[in-house]
Protein backbone atom coordinates (compact mmCIF):
# COMPACT_ATOMS: atom_id res chain seq x y z
CA MET A 1 -137.75 5.23 -24.17
CA LEU A 2 -138.82 8.11 -26.42
CA ALA A 3 -139.48 11.42 -24.34
CA GLY A 4 -143.05 12.43 -24.42
CA THR A 5 -144.29 8.93 -25.47
CA THR A 6 -146.01 5.96 -23.37
CA ASN A 7 -144.87 2.09 -24.02
CA THR A 8 -148.21 0.24 -23.06
CA ASP A 9 -146.78 -2.61 -25.72
CA TRP A 10 -144.49 -1.43 -28.66
CA GLU A 11 -144.74 -4.40 -31.00
CA ALA A 12 -143.48 -3.19 -34.52
CA VAL A 13 -140.83 -0.74 -35.95
CA SER A 14 -140.76 0.90 -39.55
CA VAL A 15 -139.24 3.26 -41.49
CA GLY A 16 -140.80 5.23 -44.12
CA PRO A 17 -141.14 8.70 -46.00
CA CYS A 18 -142.97 11.14 -44.17
CA GLY A 19 -143.44 13.98 -46.61
CA GLU A 20 -140.15 15.05 -47.51
CA ARG A 21 -138.40 13.00 -44.92
CA THR A 22 -137.82 9.78 -43.67
CA CYS A 23 -139.23 9.05 -40.30
CA VAL A 24 -138.73 5.85 -38.34
CA TYR A 25 -142.60 5.01 -37.02
CA VAL A 26 -143.13 3.15 -33.74
CA GLY A 27 -146.44 0.90 -33.19
CA ASP A 28 -147.43 0.94 -29.50
CA LEU A 29 -149.96 -1.62 -30.98
CA GLY A 30 -149.88 -4.78 -28.65
CA ASP A 31 -153.06 -5.73 -26.86
CA ASN A 32 -153.01 -9.33 -25.64
CA ARG A 33 -156.66 -9.43 -24.41
CA GLU A 34 -157.60 -6.86 -26.75
CA ARG A 35 -159.24 -4.40 -24.60
CA TRP A 36 -157.82 -0.88 -25.46
CA SER A 37 -160.41 1.35 -27.29
CA ALA A 38 -157.07 2.99 -29.12
CA VAL A 39 -153.77 2.29 -29.70
CA ALA A 40 -150.84 4.66 -30.89
CA ILE A 41 -148.26 5.07 -33.15
CA TYR A 42 -145.21 7.42 -32.87
CA ARG A 43 -143.05 8.86 -35.69
CA ILE A 44 -139.82 10.86 -35.76
CA VAL A 45 -137.67 11.99 -38.06
CA GLU A 46 -134.68 9.21 -38.87
CA PRO A 47 -131.82 10.34 -37.02
CA ARG A 48 -128.26 10.91 -38.67
CA ILE A 49 -125.79 8.41 -36.70
CA SER A 50 -122.41 9.11 -36.74
CA ASP A 51 -119.29 8.35 -34.72
CA THR A 52 -118.83 11.42 -32.88
CA THR A 53 -122.61 12.91 -32.51
CA PRO A 54 -124.67 11.57 -29.99
CA ILE A 55 -128.15 11.07 -31.35
CA THR A 56 -130.82 13.59 -30.61
CA VAL A 57 -134.77 13.84 -31.34
CA SER A 58 -136.35 17.08 -31.69
CA GLN A 59 -140.13 16.04 -31.99
CA VAL A 60 -142.21 13.09 -31.62
CA GLU A 61 -145.56 12.73 -33.19
CA ARG A 62 -148.63 11.01 -31.78
CA LEU A 63 -151.38 9.20 -33.82
CA ARG A 64 -153.89 7.99 -31.83
CA LEU A 65 -155.81 5.05 -33.64
CA ARG A 66 -158.76 2.72 -33.25
CA TYR A 67 -160.61 0.15 -35.60
CA PRO A 68 -164.24 0.33 -37.27
CA GLY A 69 -167.04 -0.99 -35.50
CA ASN A 70 -165.04 -0.20 -31.82
CA LEU A 71 -163.09 -3.57 -32.34
CA ARG A 72 -160.29 -4.31 -30.61
CA HIS A 73 -156.99 -5.74 -32.18
CA ASP A 74 -153.85 -7.52 -30.91
CA VAL A 75 -151.06 -5.85 -33.68
CA GLU A 76 -147.56 -6.73 -34.04
CA ALA A 77 -147.36 -6.16 -37.63
CA MET A 78 -146.61 -2.65 -39.29
CA ALA A 79 -144.91 -1.66 -42.53
CA ALA A 80 -144.39 1.72 -44.31
CA LEU A 81 -145.55 2.15 -47.58
CA PRO A 82 -144.01 4.61 -50.48
CA ASP A 83 -146.52 7.16 -49.98
CA GLY A 84 -146.32 7.46 -45.99
CA ALA A 85 -149.65 5.19 -45.30
CA LEU A 86 -149.06 2.32 -42.89
CA LEU A 87 -150.58 -1.39 -43.25
CA LEU A 88 -151.09 -2.98 -40.22
CA VAL A 89 -151.62 -6.79 -39.85
CA THR A 90 -153.73 -7.83 -36.73
CA LYS A 91 -152.04 -11.38 -34.78
CA GLY A 92 -155.04 -13.29 -35.36
CA ARG A 93 -155.92 -13.99 -31.72
CA SER A 94 -159.90 -13.60 -32.97
CA ARG A 95 -161.95 -12.67 -36.10
CA GLY A 96 -159.21 -14.30 -38.44
CA VAL A 97 -156.39 -11.91 -39.79
CA LEU A 98 -157.11 -8.87 -40.74
CA LEU A 99 -155.42 -6.04 -42.92
CA TYR A 100 -156.19 -2.38 -41.98
CA GLN A 101 -154.54 0.93 -43.44
CA VAL A 102 -153.82 4.11 -41.93
CA ALA A 103 -153.51 6.75 -44.38
CA ALA A 104 -150.50 9.47 -44.54
CA LYS A 105 -152.90 12.59 -43.93
CA ASP A 106 -154.45 11.22 -40.55
CA TRP A 107 -151.63 12.32 -38.99
CA GLY A 108 -151.80 15.99 -37.29
CA THR A 109 -155.00 15.45 -35.32
CA ASP A 110 -155.19 14.86 -31.34
CA ALA A 111 -158.31 12.67 -32.20
CA PRO A 112 -158.05 9.07 -32.65
CA VAL A 113 -158.45 8.30 -36.22
CA GLU A 114 -160.14 4.94 -37.90
CA ALA A 115 -158.15 2.54 -39.43
CA VAL A 116 -159.95 1.49 -42.96
CA ARG A 117 -160.14 -2.40 -43.39
CA ILE A 118 -158.44 -3.37 -46.77
CA ASP A 119 -158.79 -7.01 -46.66
CA SER A 120 -158.57 -10.15 -44.65
CA LEU A 121 -155.78 -12.89 -45.16
CA PRO A 122 -156.09 -16.52 -46.02
CA ILE A 123 -153.81 -17.20 -42.93
CA ASP A 124 -155.71 -19.89 -40.79
CA PRO A 125 -154.37 -18.77 -37.18
CA HIS A 126 -153.81 -20.80 -34.20
CA ALA A 127 -151.81 -20.51 -30.94
CA GLY A 128 -151.35 -23.99 -30.51
CA THR A 129 -149.59 -24.21 -33.43
CA GLY A 130 -147.49 -21.02 -33.62
CA ARG A 131 -149.42 -19.64 -36.86
CA LEU A 132 -149.73 -16.42 -35.28
CA VAL A 133 -148.77 -12.59 -36.83
CA THR A 134 -145.73 -11.31 -35.76
CA ASP A 135 -144.52 -8.92 -38.43
CA MET A 136 -144.47 -7.96 -41.72
CA ALA A 137 -142.27 -6.13 -44.75
CA VAL A 138 -142.98 -4.58 -47.67
CA THR A 139 -140.89 -4.16 -51.27
CA PRO A 140 -139.76 -0.38 -51.95
CA ASP A 141 -142.38 -0.28 -54.57
CA GLY A 142 -145.04 -1.58 -52.12
CA SER A 143 -146.11 -4.30 -54.57
CA ARG A 144 -145.39 -6.76 -52.52
CA MET A 145 -145.57 -7.57 -48.68
CA VAL A 146 -144.19 -10.57 -46.60
CA VAL A 147 -146.64 -11.71 -43.49
CA ARG A 148 -144.53 -13.57 -40.92
CA THR A 149 -145.90 -15.98 -38.46
CA TYR A 150 -143.87 -18.10 -35.73
CA ARG A 151 -143.96 -21.09 -38.26
CA ASP A 152 -145.07 -19.41 -41.80
CA LEU A 153 -144.00 -17.00 -44.47
CA TYR A 154 -146.62 -15.75 -46.61
CA VAL A 155 -145.76 -13.70 -49.69
CA PHE A 156 -148.54 -11.34 -51.17
CA SER A 157 -148.81 -9.12 -54.11
CA ARG A 158 -150.69 -5.97 -53.80
CA SER A 159 -153.41 -4.11 -56.51
CA SER A 160 -153.75 -0.48 -56.87
CA ASP A 161 -156.87 -0.87 -54.51
CA GLY A 162 -154.91 -2.15 -51.94
CA SER A 163 -156.21 -5.65 -51.87
CA VAL A 164 -153.79 -8.57 -51.79
CA GLU A 165 -153.34 -12.40 -53.44
CA PRO A 166 -151.66 -14.75 -51.85
CA VAL A 167 -148.07 -15.44 -54.19
CA VAL A 168 -146.20 -18.31 -51.97
CA SER A 169 -145.80 -19.43 -48.63
CA CYS A 170 -142.68 -21.03 -46.98
CA ASN A 171 -142.57 -23.23 -43.94
CA ILE A 172 -139.98 -22.28 -41.36
CA VAL A 173 -140.87 -24.18 -38.38
CA GLY A 174 -137.68 -25.34 -36.18
CA ARG A 175 -135.41 -22.59 -37.88
CA GLU A 176 -136.12 -19.99 -34.70
CA PRO A 177 -136.40 -20.02 -31.07
CA GLN A 178 -139.36 -17.75 -30.98
CA GLY A 179 -139.35 -15.92 -34.49
CA GLU A 180 -140.82 -12.26 -34.16
CA GLY A 181 -139.40 -10.02 -36.90
CA VAL A 182 -138.72 -9.81 -40.60
CA ALA A 183 -137.44 -7.00 -42.83
CA ARG A 184 -136.41 -7.39 -46.61
CA LEU A 185 -132.82 -7.21 -47.47
CA PRO A 186 -131.70 -4.99 -50.38
CA ASP A 187 -130.71 -8.45 -52.64
CA GLY A 188 -134.36 -9.80 -52.04
CA ARG A 189 -133.71 -11.81 -49.61
CA LEU A 190 -135.59 -11.71 -46.00
CA LEU A 191 -133.75 -11.30 -42.61
CA LEU A 192 -135.98 -13.29 -39.90
CA LEU A 193 -135.13 -12.20 -36.16
CA SER A 194 -136.19 -14.50 -32.87
CA GLU A 195 -136.57 -13.50 -29.34
CA ARG A 196 -134.78 -16.18 -27.61
CA GLY A 197 -137.70 -17.94 -26.13
CA LEU A 198 -136.70 -20.63 -23.85
CA PHE A 199 -133.45 -21.05 -25.36
CA LYS A 200 -130.00 -19.30 -24.54
CA THR A 201 -130.08 -16.61 -27.38
CA GLY A 202 -132.29 -15.65 -30.27
CA THR A 203 -131.40 -15.91 -33.66
CA VAL A 204 -130.84 -13.90 -37.09
CA HIS A 205 -131.39 -15.81 -40.26
CA ALA A 206 -131.42 -14.72 -44.03
CA ALA A 207 -133.94 -16.71 -46.08
CA LYS A 208 -135.56 -16.62 -49.30
CA CYS A 209 -139.18 -17.58 -50.08
CA GLY A 210 -140.19 -17.34 -53.52
């Protein structure tokens, strides 16, 4: 674990800009019972990796976060935009699937900042069928985002005001033990990552959707 951090329920990792640098963002956003009044996001300057030099982390920044109306959400999906803002999508345990944004300028304060609700997503969450949001990814220019559940992929286009429109969805039922992660590969394919669930191993798949 990173020194100076607390792991209540780390659920999301994303890489994106932070000023003139590139940072790794770690979302301590999991809240299965939806009871935390504030959660946290950490960021560190992306370390250089070599075969001979140990990785060192010189500074960890923390952003304390809350949601409008004192709502509590379980969040596993986070992605960094080209301007350094962060998108968050709720898991869907209550109140539907909601899209929030955290501005890049919000960093640098000790007081909790409030995420801005951008939109609600046309995903009908249901724990029994596995339709709960577990991760998301965005294109390098931020014009599209993909949101995944345990059983589906949803591709959305993003407008200049941040609102989204559905483009296509893909059913991936039965392809993974417990699908938790999604990342975009340079060729446009999606990398799907799964925990092992009740099986012996997890899986990694490359997939196309739309």
